[in-house]
Amino acid sequence: LLEELIGEARNLERFAGVAGSVKALITLLLANWTLNAFGEEFAYRIVLMRGIAFLLGDSRWGNVAAVIIQAIMFGLIHAYQGPTGIVGSTISGMIFGIVTVYGGWSI
């Protein structure tokens, strides 16, 4: 849907080495599920977002601002995927941030 709206596909050339290799795919998935998934969630949703909320007074609006700021930053680190990747990752960051706040700051 985003690719259609933005008019550009995500740039996934970074992962081209996985094409046609089951071993490379399994290695990439294991690395993503352990390092990236946990590491990004911890860094963005716990350290960064919690820190921003704390600096803004641990209020409702502080939490809202923290969710938005970390989501934008999360989107920008995916700039290698192009505009569609940035928008998609920002939306994901927003959703994960909201879930983290409503989950009592637990990932």
PDB file of N, CA and C in Angstrom:
ATOM      1  N   LEU A   1       0.823  -1.184   0.000  1.00  0.00           N
ATOM      2  CA  LEU A   1       0.000   0.000   0.000  1.00  0.00           C
ATOM      3  C   LEU A   1       0.875   1.259   0.000  1.00  0.00           C
ATOM      4  N   LEU A   2       1.897   1.267   0.867  1.00  0.00           N
ATOM      5  CA  LEU A   2       2.789   2.430   0.916  1.00  0.00           C
ATOM      6  C   LEU A   2       3.531   2.611  -0.404  1.00  0.00           C
ATOM      7  N   GLU A   3       3.975   1.505  -0.979  1.00  0.00           N
ATOM      8  CA  GLU A   3       4.678   1.593  -2.262  1.00  0.00           C
ATOM      9  C   GLU A   3       3.775   2.192  -3.328  1.00  0.00           C
ATOM     10  N   GLU A   4       2.512   1.845  -3.294  1.00  0.00           N
ATOM     11  CA  GLU A   4       1.547   2.395  -4.244  1.00  0.00           C
ATOM     12  C   GLU A   4       1.303   3.882  -3.983  1.00  0.00           C
ATOM     13  N   LEU A   5       1.144   4.248  -2.723  1.00  0.00           N
ATOM     14  CA  LEU A   5       0.899   5.647  -2.368  1.00  0.00           C
ATOM     15  C   LEU A   5       2.103   6.540  -2.649  1.00  0.00           C
ATOM     16  N   ILE A   6       3.292   6.042  -2.322  1.00  0.00           N
ATOM     17  CA  ILE A   6       4.505   6.843  -2.490  1.00  0.00           C
ATOM     18  C   ILE A   6       5.022   6.758  -3.923  1.00  0.00           C
ATOM     19  N   GLY A   7       4.707   5.667  -4.586  1.00  0.00           N
ATOM     20  CA  GLY A   7       5.129   5.506  -5.972  1.00  0.00           C
ATOM     21  C   GLY A   7       6.540   4.967  -6.127  1.00  0.00           C
ATOM     22  N   GLU A   8       7.041   4.357  -5.074  1.00  0.00           N
ATOM     23  CA  GLU A   8       8.401   3.833  -5.094  1.00  0.00           C
ATOM     24  C   GLU A   8       8.491   2.621  -4.180  1.00  0.00           C
ATOM     25  N   ALA A   9       9.148   1.580  -4.654  1.00  0.00           N
ATOM     26  CA  ALA A   9       9.330   0.380  -3.845  1.00  0.00           C
ATOM     27  C   ALA A   9      10.432   0.606  -2.819  1.00  0.00           C
ATOM     28  N   ARG A  10      10.380  -0.161  -1.739  1.00  0.00           N
ATOM     29  CA  ARG A  10      11.466  -0.112  -0.764  1.00  0.00           C
ATOM     30  C   ARG A  10      12.729  -0.647  -1.421  1.00  0.00           C
ATOM     31  N   ASN A  11      13.850  -0.070  -1.087  1.00  0.00           N
ATOM     32  CA  ASN A  11      15.130  -0.519  -1.611  1.00  0.00           C
ATOM     33  C   ASN A  11      15.682  -1.585  -0.669  1.00  0.00           C
ATOM     34  N   LEU A  12      15.611  -2.818  -1.108  1.00  0.00           N
ATOM     35  CA  LEU A  12      16.077  -3.931  -0.276  1.00  0.00           C
ATOM     36  C   LEU A  12      17.336  -4.582  -0.835  1.00  0.00           C
ATOM     37  N   GLU A  13      18.103  -3.816  -1.640  1.00  0.00           N
ATOM     38  CA  GLU A  13      19.336  -4.337  -2.237  1.00  0.00           C
ATOM     39  C   GLU A  13      20.321  -4.824  -1.177  1.00  0.00           C
ATOM     40  N   ARG A  14      20.259  -4.235  -0.011  1.00  0.00           N
ATOM     41  CA  ARG A  14      21.139  -4.611   1.098  1.00  0.00           C
ATOM     42  C   ARG A  14      21.016  -6.097   1.431  1.00  0.00           C
ATOM     43  N   PHE A  15      19.877  -6.683   1.111  1.00  0.00           N
ATOM     44  CA  PHE A  15      19.620  -8.085   1.439  1.00  0.00           C
ATOM     45  C   PHE A  15      19.703  -9.007   0.227  1.00  0.00           C
ATOM     46  N   ALA A  16      20.284  -8.522  -0.860  1.00  0.00           N
ATOM     47  CA  ALA A  16      20.354  -9.288  -2.104  1.00  0.00           C
ATOM     48  C   ALA A  16      21.145 -10.587  -1.944  1.00  0.00           C
ATOM     49  N   GLY A  17      22.090 -10.621  -1.031  1.00  0.00           N
ATOM     50  CA  GLY A  17      22.902 -11.814  -0.827  1.00  0.00           C
ATOM     51  C   GLY A  17      22.125 -13.010  -0.313  1.00  0.00           C
ATOM     52  N   VAL A  18      20.922 -12.808   0.124  1.00  0.00           N
ATOM     53  CA  VAL A  18      20.094 -13.883   0.662  1.00  0.00           C
ATOM     54  C   VAL A  18      19.372 -14.633  -0.460  1.00  0.00           C
ATOM     55  N   ALA A  19      19.147 -13.963  -1.567  1.00  0.00           N
ATOM     56  CA  ALA A  19      18.387 -14.559  -2.682  1.00  0.00           C
ATOM     57  C   ALA A  19      19.025 -15.868  -3.136  1.00  0.00           C
ATOM     58  N   GLY A  20      18.238 -16.926  -3.114  1.00  0.00           N
ATOM     59  CA  GLY A  20      18.679 -18.226  -3.592  1.00  0.00           C
ATOM     60  C   GLY A  20      19.519 -19.026  -2.604  1.00  0.00           C
ATOM     61  N   SER A  21      19.721 -18.547  -1.400  1.00  0.00           N
ATOM     62  CA  SER A  21      20.535 -19.255  -0.425  1.00  0.00           C
ATOM     63  C   SER A  21      19.753 -19.461   0.865  1.00  0.00           C
ATOM     64  N   VAL A  22      19.371 -20.705   1.108  1.00  0.00           N
ATOM     65  CA  VAL A  22      18.637 -21.031   2.328  1.00  0.00           C
ATOM     66  C   VAL A  22      19.520 -20.777   3.546  1.00  0.00           C
ATOM     67  N   LYS A  23      20.795 -21.113   3.450  1.00  0.00           N
ATOM     68  CA  LYS A  23      21.726 -20.911   4.561  1.00  0.00           C
ATOM     69  C   LYS A  23      21.829 -19.410   4.895  1.00  0.00           C
ATOM     70  N   ALA A  24      21.974 -18.577   3.875  1.00  0.00           N
ATOM     71  CA  ALA A  24      22.071 -17.130   4.102  1.00  0.00           C
ATOM     72  C   ALA A  24      20.770 -16.597   4.702  1.00  0.00           C
ATOM     73  N   LEU A  25      19.631 -17.112   4.239  1.00  0.00           N
ATOM     74  CA  LEU A  25      18.339 -16.686   4.770  1.00  0.00           C
ATOM     75  C   LEU A  25      18.213 -17.041   6.252  1.00  0.00           C
ATOM     76  N   ILE A  26      18.559 -18.260   6.596  1.00  0.00           N
ATOM     77  CA  ILE A  26      18.472 -18.697   7.998  1.00  0.00           C
ATOM     78  C   ILE A  26      19.408 -17.867   8.876  1.00  0.00           C
ATOM     79  N   THR A  27      20.628 -17.621   8.385  1.00  0.00           N
ATOM     80  CA  THR A  27      21.585 -16.802   9.136  1.00  0.00           C
ATOM     81  C   THR A  27      21.040 -15.399   9.345  1.00  0.00           C
ATOM     82  N   LEU A  28      20.484 -14.804   8.288  1.00  0.00           N
ATOM     83  CA  LEU A  28      19.923 -13.457   8.388  1.00  0.00           C
ATOM     84  C   LEU A  28      18.744 -13.420   9.354  1.00  0.00           C
ATOM     85  N   LEU A  29      17.862 -14.395   9.260  1.00  0.00           N
ATOM     86  CA  LEU A  29      16.705 -14.438  10.154  1.00  0.00           C
ATOM     87  C   LEU A  29      17.128 -14.581  11.609  1.00  0.00           C
ATOM     88  N   LEU A  30      18.070 -15.458  11.884  1.00  0.00           N
ATOM     89  CA  LEU A  30      18.537 -15.640  13.265  1.00  0.00           C
ATOM     90  C   LEU A  30      19.176 -14.361  13.793  1.00  0.00           C
ATOM     91  N   ALA A  31      19.977 -13.713  12.975  1.00  0.00           N
ATOM     92  CA  ALA A  31      20.606 -12.459  13.394  1.00  0.00           C
ATOM     93  C   ALA A  31      19.546 -11.389  13.633  1.00  0.00           C
ATOM     94  N   ASN A  32      18.574 -11.291  12.727  1.00  0.00           N
ATOM     95  CA  ASN A  32      17.518 -10.287  12.878  1.00  0.00           C
ATOM     96  C   ASN A  32      16.669 -10.542  14.112  1.00  0.00           C
ATOM     97  N   TRP A  33      16.309 -11.788  14.347  1.00  0.00           N
ATOM     98  CA  TRP A  33      15.430 -12.093  15.464  1.00  0.00           C
ATOM     99  C   TRP A  33      16.118 -11.893  16.805  1.00  0.00           C
ATOM    100  N   THR A  34      17.432 -12.043  16.844  1.00  0.00           N
ATOM    101  CA  THR A  34      18.133 -11.884  18.115  1.00  0.00           C
ATOM    102  C   THR A  34      18.699 -10.477  18.267  1.00  0.00           C
ATOM    103  N   LEU A  35      19.579 -10.089  17.378  1.00  0.00           N
ATOM    104  CA  LEU A  35      20.265  -8.803  17.515  1.00  0.00           C
ATOM    105  C   LEU A  35      19.373  -7.625  17.170  1.00  0.00           C
ATOM    106  N   ASN A  36      18.826  -7.615  15.975  1.00  0.00           N
ATOM    107  CA  ASN A  36      18.059  -6.456  15.525  1.00  0.00           C
ATOM    108  C   ASN A  36      16.734  -6.324  16.252  1.00  0.00           C
ATOM    109  N   ALA A  37      15.983  -7.377  16.305  1.00  0.00           N
ATOM    110  CA  ALA A  37      14.657  -7.276  16.925  1.00  0.00           C
ATOM    111  C   ALA A  37      14.782  -6.858  18.393  1.00  0.00           C
ATOM    112  N   PHE A  38      15.561  -7.569  19.158  1.00  0.00           N
ATOM    113  CA  PHE A  38      15.702  -7.226  20.576  1.00  0.00           C
ATOM    114  C   PHE A  38      16.469  -5.919  20.740  1.00  0.00           C
ATOM    115  N   GLY A  39      17.576  -5.772  20.010  1.00  0.00           N
ATOM    116  CA  GLY A  39      18.410  -4.584  20.141  1.00  0.00           C
ATOM    117  C   GLY A  39      17.676  -3.310  19.787  1.00  0.00           C
ATOM    118  N   GLU A  40      16.956  -3.311  18.665  1.00  0.00           N
ATOM    119  CA  GLU A  40      16.203  -2.116  18.265  1.00  0.00           C
ATOM    120  C   GLU A  40      15.076  -1.822  19.241  1.00  0.00           C
ATOM    121  N   GLU A  41      14.375  -2.832  19.668  1.00  0.00           N
ATOM    122  CA  GLU A  41      13.282  -2.605  20.620  1.00  0.00           C
ATOM    123  C   GLU A  41      13.824  -2.047  21.926  1.00  0.00           C
ATOM    124  N   PHE A  42      14.902  -2.617  22.406  1.00  0.00           N
ATOM    125  CA  PHE A  42      15.485  -2.137  23.654  1.00  0.00           C
ATOM    126  C   PHE A  42      15.992  -0.704  23.494  1.00  0.00           C
ATOM    127  N   ALA A  43      16.746  -0.451  22.426  1.00  0.00           N
ATOM    128  CA  ALA A  43      17.346   0.874  22.221  1.00  0.00           C
ATOM    129  C   ALA A  43      16.291   1.951  21.984  1.00  0.00           C
ATOM    130  N   TYR A  44      15.345   1.680  21.109  1.00  0.00           N
ATOM    131  CA  TYR A  44      14.379   2.712  20.741  1.00  0.00           C
ATOM    132  C   TYR A  44      13.194   2.801  21.682  1.00  0.00           C
ATOM    133  N   ARG A  45      12.622   1.676  22.053  1.00  0.00           N
ATOM    134  CA  ARG A  45      11.417   1.721  22.863  1.00  0.00           C
ATOM    135  C   ARG A  45      11.705   1.850  24.349  1.00  0.00           C
ATOM    136  N   ILE A  46      12.797   1.323  24.843  1.00  0.00           N
ATOM    137  CA  ILE A  46      13.078   1.404  26.276  1.00  0.00           C
ATOM    138  C   ILE A  46      14.054   2.547  26.580  1.00  0.00           C
ATOM    139  N   VAL A  47      15.242   2.506  26.029  1.00  0.00           N
ATOM    140  CA  VAL A  47      16.245   3.513  26.374  1.00  0.00           C
ATOM    141  C   VAL A  47      15.858   4.889  25.850  1.00  0.00           C
ATOM    142  N   LEU A  48      15.679   5.018  24.542  1.00  0.00           N
ATOM    143  CA  LEU A  48      15.409   6.321  23.940  1.00  0.00           C
ATOM    144  C   LEU A  48      14.035   6.869  24.331  1.00  0.00           C
ATOM    145  N   MET A  49      13.008   6.082  24.089  1.00  0.00           N
ATOM    146  CA  MET A  49      11.656   6.569  24.339  1.00  0.00           C
ATOM    147  C   MET A  49      11.423   6.843  25.826  1.00  0.00           C
ATOM    148  N   ARG A  50      11.883   5.960  26.675  1.00  0.00           N
ATOM    149  CA  ARG A  50      11.708   6.148  28.120  1.00  0.00           C
ATOM    150  C   ARG A  50      12.492   7.369  28.582  1.00  0.00           C
ATOM    151  N   GLY A  51      13.698   7.547  28.033  1.00  0.00           N
ATOM    152  CA  GLY A  51      14.507   8.705  28.386  1.00  0.00           C
ATOM    153  C   GLY A  51      13.842  10.011  27.976  1.00  0.00           C
ATOM    154  N   ILE A  52      13.274  10.052  26.777  1.00  0.00           N
ATOM    155  CA  ILE A  52      12.575  11.250  26.314  1.00  0.00           C
ATOM    156  C   ILE A  52      11.375  11.540  27.206  1.00  0.00           C
ATOM    157  N   ALA A  53      10.597  10.521  27.492  1.00  0.00           N
ATOM    158  CA  ALA A  53       9.413  10.704  28.348  1.00  0.00           C
ATOM    159  C   ALA A  53       9.831  11.222  29.726  1.00  0.00           C
ATOM    160  N   PHE A  54      10.905  10.679  30.273  1.00  0.00           N
ATOM    161  CA  PHE A  54      11.397  11.117  31.580  1.00  0.00           C
ATOM    162  C   PHE A  54      11.817  12.592  31.533  1.00  0.00           C
ATOM    163  N   LEU A  55      12.545  12.961  30.472  1.00  0.00           N
ATOM    164  CA  LEU A  55      12.988  14.353  30.332  1.00  0.00           C
ATOM    165  C   LEU A  55      11.814  15.324  30.191  1.00  0.00           C
ATOM    166  N   LEU A  56      10.722  14.839  29.632  1.00  0.00           N
ATOM    167  CA  LEU A  56       9.546  15.684  29.427  1.00  0.00           C
ATOM    168  C   LEU A  56       8.550  15.595  30.579  1.00  0.00           C
ATOM    169  N   GLY A  57       8.969  15.002  31.680  1.00  0.00           N
ATOM    170  CA  GLY A  57       8.160  15.027  32.886  1.00  0.00           C
ATOM    171  C   GLY A  57       7.263  13.837  33.128  1.00  0.00           C
ATOM    172  N   ASP A  58       7.454  12.754  32.409  1.00  0.00           N
ATOM    173  CA  ASP A  58       6.638  11.551  32.605  1.00  0.00           C
ATOM    174  C   ASP A  58       5.144  11.847  32.629  1.00  0.00           C
ATOM    175  N   SER A  59       4.714  12.710  31.750  1.00  0.00           N
ATOM    176  CA  SER A  59       3.300  13.058  31.646  1.00  0.00           C
ATOM    177  C   SER A  59       2.703  12.366  30.425  1.00  0.00           C
ATOM    178  N   ARG A  60       1.413  12.496  30.281  1.00  0.00           N
ATOM    179  CA  ARG A  60       0.748  11.937  29.096  1.00  0.00           C
ATOM    180  C   ARG A  60       1.345  12.539  27.828  1.00  0.00           C
ATOM    181  N   TRP A  61       1.537  13.865  27.820  1.00  0.00           N
ATOM    182  CA  TRP A  61       2.079  14.530  26.631  1.00  0.00           C
ATOM    183  C   TRP A  61       3.559  14.200  26.441  1.00  0.00           C
ATOM    184  N   GLY A  62       4.260  13.947  27.529  1.00  0.00           N
ATOM    185  CA  GLY A  62       5.648  13.497  27.426  1.00  0.00           C
ATOM    186  C   GLY A  62       5.739  12.150  26.751  1.00  0.00           C
ATOM    187  N   ASN A  63       4.804  11.258  27.098  1.00  0.00           N
ATOM    188  CA  ASN A  63       4.757   9.945  26.462  1.00  0.00           C
ATOM    189  C   ASN A  63       4.403  10.057  24.981  1.00  0.00           C
ATOM    190  N   VAL A  64       3.449  10.929  24.664  1.00  0.00           N
ATOM    191  CA  VAL A  64       3.057  11.127  23.265  1.00  0.00           C
ATOM    192  C   VAL A  64       4.246  11.644  22.458  1.00  0.00           C
ATOM    193  N   ALA A  65       4.923  12.660  22.998  1.00  0.00           N
ATOM    194  CA  ALA A  65       6.088  13.218  22.314  1.00  0.00           C
ATOM    195  C   ALA A  65       7.186  12.163  22.161  1.00  0.00           C
ATOM    196  N   ALA A  66       7.405  11.362  23.190  1.00  0.00           N
ATOM    197  CA  ALA A  66       8.428  10.321  23.146  1.00  0.00           C
ATOM    198  C   ALA A  66       8.115   9.295  22.065  1.00  0.00           C
ATOM    199  N   VAL A  67       6.855   8.899  21.953  1.00  0.00           N
ATOM    200  CA  VAL A  67       6.456   7.944  20.919  1.00  0.00           C
ATOM    201  C   VAL A  67       6.729   8.528  19.536  1.00  0.00           C
ATOM    202  N   ILE A  68       6.352   9.772  19.332  1.00  0.00           N
ATOM    203  CA  ILE A  68       6.525  10.404  18.020  1.00  0.00           C
ATOM    204  C   ILE A  68       8.005  10.585  17.679  1.00  0.00           C
ATOM    205  N   ILE A  69       8.784  11.095  18.618  1.00  0.00           N
ATOM    206  CA  ILE A  69      10.205  11.349  18.358  1.00  0.00           C
ATOM    207  C   ILE A  69      10.958  10.060  18.061  1.00  0.00           C
ATOM    208  N   GLN A  70      10.749   9.026  18.879  1.00  0.00           N
ATOM    209  CA  GLN A  70      11.469   7.778  18.634  1.00  0.00           C
ATOM    210  C   GLN A  70      11.019   7.135  17.340  1.00  0.00           C
ATOM    211  N   ALA A  71       9.741   7.281  16.982  1.00  0.00           N
ATOM    212  CA  ALA A  71       9.248   6.701  15.727  1.00  0.00           C
ATOM    213  C   ALA A  71       9.906   7.372  14.523  1.00  0.00           C
ATOM    214  N   ILE A  72      10.043   8.686  14.575  1.00  0.00           N
ATOM    215  CA  ILE A  72      10.704   9.399  13.477  1.00  0.00           C
ATOM    216  C   ILE A  72      12.165   8.975  13.381  1.00  0.00           C
ATOM    217  N   MET A  73      12.836   8.892  14.504  1.00  0.00           N
ATOM    218  CA  MET A  73      14.240   8.465  14.497  1.00  0.00           C
ATOM    219  C   MET A  73      14.367   7.027  13.993  1.00  0.00           C
ATOM    220  N   PHE A  74      13.442   6.177  14.397  1.00  0.00           N
ATOM    221  CA  PHE A  74      13.441   4.788  13.945  1.00  0.00           C
ATOM    222  C   PHE A  74      13.247   4.725  12.432  1.00  0.00           C
ATOM    223  N   GLY A  75      12.355   5.556  11.910  1.00  0.00           N
ATOM    224  CA  GLY A  75      12.156   5.611  10.469  1.00  0.00           C
ATOM    225  C   GLY A  75      13.408   6.064   9.743  1.00  0.00           C
ATOM    226  N   LEU A  76      14.070   7.065  10.283  1.00  0.00           N
ATOM    227  CA  LEU A  76      15.253   7.618   9.625  1.00  0.00           C
ATOM    228  C   LEU A  76      16.431   6.651   9.588  1.00  0.00           C
ATOM    229  N   ILE A  77      16.551   5.755  10.578  1.00  0.00           N
ATOM    230  CA  ILE A  77      17.661   4.800  10.506  1.00  0.00           C
ATOM    231  C   ILE A  77      17.423   3.755   9.415  1.00  0.00           C
ATOM    232  N   HIS A  78      16.215   3.729   8.891  1.00  0.00           N
ATOM    233  CA  HIS A  78      15.917   2.825   7.784  1.00  0.00           C
ATOM    234  C   HIS A  78      15.921   3.561   6.440  1.00  0.00           C
ATOM    235  N   ALA A  79      16.632   4.683   6.389  1.00  0.00           N
ATOM    236  CA  ALA A  79      16.697   5.500   5.175  1.00  0.00           C
ATOM    237  C   ALA A  79      17.295   4.741   3.998  1.00  0.00           C
ATOM    238  N   TYR A  80      18.114   3.736   4.253  1.00  0.00           N
ATOM    239  CA  TYR A  80      18.697   2.943   3.171  1.00  0.00           C
ATOM    240  C   TYR A  80      17.613   2.245   2.337  1.00  0.00           C
ATOM    241  N   GLN A  81      16.402   2.134   2.873  1.00  0.00           N
ATOM    242  CA  GLN A  81      15.293   1.514   2.151  1.00  0.00           C
ATOM    243  C   GLN A  81      14.546   2.520   1.278  1.00  0.00           C
ATOM    244  N   GLY A  82      14.957   3.771   1.298  1.00  0.00           N
ATOM    245  CA  GLY A  82      14.293   4.798   0.512  1.00  0.00           C
ATOM    246  C   GLY A  82      13.097   5.375   1.250  1.00  0.00           C
ATOM    247  N   PRO A  83      12.383   6.298   0.594  1.00  0.00           N
ATOM    248  CA  PRO A  83      11.245   6.971   1.243  1.00  0.00           C
ATOM    249  C   PRO A  83      10.175   6.014   1.759  1.00  0.00           C
ATOM    250  N   THR A  84       9.895   4.983   1.011  1.00  0.00           N
ATOM    251  CA  THR A  84       8.866   4.033   1.436  1.00  0.00           C
ATOM    252  C   THR A  84       9.296   3.297   2.697  1.00  0.00           C
ATOM    253  N   GLY A  85      10.562   2.943   2.789  1.00  0.00           N
ATOM    254  CA  GLY A  85      11.081   2.286   3.982  1.00  0.00           C
ATOM    255  C   GLY A  85      11.056   3.199   5.187  1.00  0.00           C
ATOM    256  N   ILE A  86      11.352   4.485   4.974  1.00  0.00           N
ATOM    257  CA  ILE A  86      11.318   5.445   6.077  1.00  0.00           C
ATOM    258  C   ILE A  86       9.897   5.576   6.613  1.00  0.00           C
ATOM    259  N   VAL A  87       8.943   5.761   5.718  1.00  0.00           N
ATOM    260  CA  VAL A  87       7.543   5.918   6.151  1.00  0.00           C
ATOM    261  C   VAL A  87       7.045   4.653   6.832  1.00  0.00           C
ATOM    262  N   GLY A  88       7.306   3.499   6.244  1.00  0.00           N
ATOM    263  CA  GLY A  88       6.862   2.234   6.830  1.00  0.00           C
ATOM    264  C   GLY A  88       7.476   1.981   8.192  1.00  0.00           C
ATOM    265  N   SER A  89       8.770   2.260   8.317  1.00  0.00           N
ATOM    266  CA  SER A  89       9.443   2.054   9.600  1.00  0.00           C
ATOM    267  C   SER A  89       8.964   3.058  10.643  1.00  0.00           C
ATOM    268  N   THR A  90       8.664   4.278  10.225  1.00  0.00           N
ATOM    269  CA  THR A  90       8.131   5.269  11.160  1.00  0.00           C
ATOM    270  C   THR A  90       6.772   4.825  11.687  1.00  0.00           C
ATOM    271  N   ILE A  91       5.942   4.323  10.811  1.00  0.00           N
ATOM    272  CA  ILE A  91       4.627   3.819  11.238  1.00  0.00           C
ATOM    273  C   ILE A  91       4.801   2.641  12.195  1.00  0.00           C
ATOM    274  N   SER A  92       5.703   1.725  11.868  1.00  0.00           N
ATOM    275  CA  SER A  92       5.968   0.585  12.757  1.00  0.00           C
ATOM    276  C   SER A  92       6.477   1.067  14.106  1.00  0.00           C
ATOM    277  N   GLY A  93       7.400   2.030  14.091  1.00  0.00           N
ATOM    278  CA  GLY A  93       7.931   2.577  15.335  1.00  0.00           C
ATOM    279  C   GLY A  93       6.844   3.211  16.180  1.00  0.00           C
ATOM    280  N   MET A  94       5.902   3.871  15.517  1.00  0.00           N
ATOM    281  CA  MET A  94       4.783   4.490  16.226  1.00  0.00           C
ATOM    282  C   MET A  94       3.925   3.408  16.898  1.00  0.00           C
ATOM    283  N   ILE A  95       3.608   2.380  16.154  1.00  0.00           N
ATOM    284  CA  ILE A  95       2.779   1.293  16.696  1.00  0.00           C
ATOM    285  C   ILE A  95       3.497   0.599  17.845  1.00  0.00           C
ATOM    286  N   PHE A  96       4.779   0.242  17.643  1.00  0.00           N
ATOM    287  CA  PHE A  96       5.533  -0.433  18.701  1.00  0.00           C
ATOM    288  C   PHE A  96       5.678   0.460  19.931  1.00  0.00           C
ATOM    289  N   GLY A  97       5.833   1.770  19.715  1.00  0.00           N
ATOM    290  CA  GLY A  97       5.938   2.705  20.826  1.00  0.00           C
ATOM    291  C   GLY A  97       4.659   2.773  21.640  1.00  0.00           C
ATOM    292  N   ILE A  98       3.540   2.835  20.946  1.00  0.00           N
ATOM    293  CA  ILE A  98       2.237   2.876  21.627  1.00  0.00           C
ATOM    294  C   ILE A  98       2.017   1.593  22.437  1.00  0.00           C
ATOM    295  N   VAL A  99       2.345   0.464  21.836  1.00  0.00           N
ATOM    296  CA  VAL A  99       2.187  -0.822  22.526  1.00  0.00           C
ATOM    297  C   VAL A  99       3.094  -0.861  23.760  1.00  0.00           C
ATOM    298  N   THR A 100       4.300  -0.325  23.639  1.00  0.00           N
ATOM    299  CA  THR A 100       5.227  -0.311  24.773  1.00  0.00           C
ATOM    300  C   THR A 100       4.676   0.517  25.926  1.00  0.00           C
ATOM    301  N   VAL A 101       4.155   1.706  25.627  1.00  0.00           N
ATOM    302  CA  VAL A 101       3.597   2.561  26.679  1.00  0.00           C
ATOM    303  C   VAL A 101       2.403   1.884  27.335  1.00  0.00           C
ATOM    304  N   TYR A 102       1.484   1.370  26.502  1.00  0.00           N
ATOM    305  CA  TYR A 102       0.296   0.721  27.078  1.00  0.00           C
ATOM    306  C   TYR A 102       0.629  -0.608  27.750  1.00  0.00           C
ATOM    307  N   GLY A 103       1.779  -1.172  27.422  1.00  0.00           N
ATOM    308  CA  GLY A 103       2.217  -2.405  28.057  1.00  0.00           C
ATOM    309  C   GLY A 103       3.003  -2.166  29.330  1.00  0.00           C
ATOM    310  N   GLY A 104       2.973  -0.942  29.825  1.00  0.00           N
ATOM    311  CA  GLY A 104       3.674  -0.637  31.067  1.00  0.00           C
ATOM    312  C   GLY A 104       5.176  -0.526  30.888  1.00  0.00           C
ATOM    313  N   TRP A 105       5.608  -0.051  29.735  1.00  0.00           N
ATOM    314  CA  TRP A 105       7.029   0.124  29.413  1.00  0.00           C
ATOM    315  C   TRP A 105       7.775  -1.207  29.374  1.00  0.00           C
ATOM    316  N   SER A 106       7.110  -2.210  28.871  1.00  0.00           N
ATOM    317  CA  SER A 106       7.728  -3.519  28.740  1.00  0.00           C
ATOM    318  C   SER A 106       7.784  -3.899  27.267  1.00  0.00           C
ATOM    319  N   ILE A 107       8.920  -4.436  26.850  1.00  0.00           N
ATOM    320  CA  ILE A 107       8.998  -4.919  25.477  1.00  0.00           C
ATOM    321  C   ILE A 107       8.758  -6.412  25.434  1.00  0.00           C
TER     322      ILE A 107
END
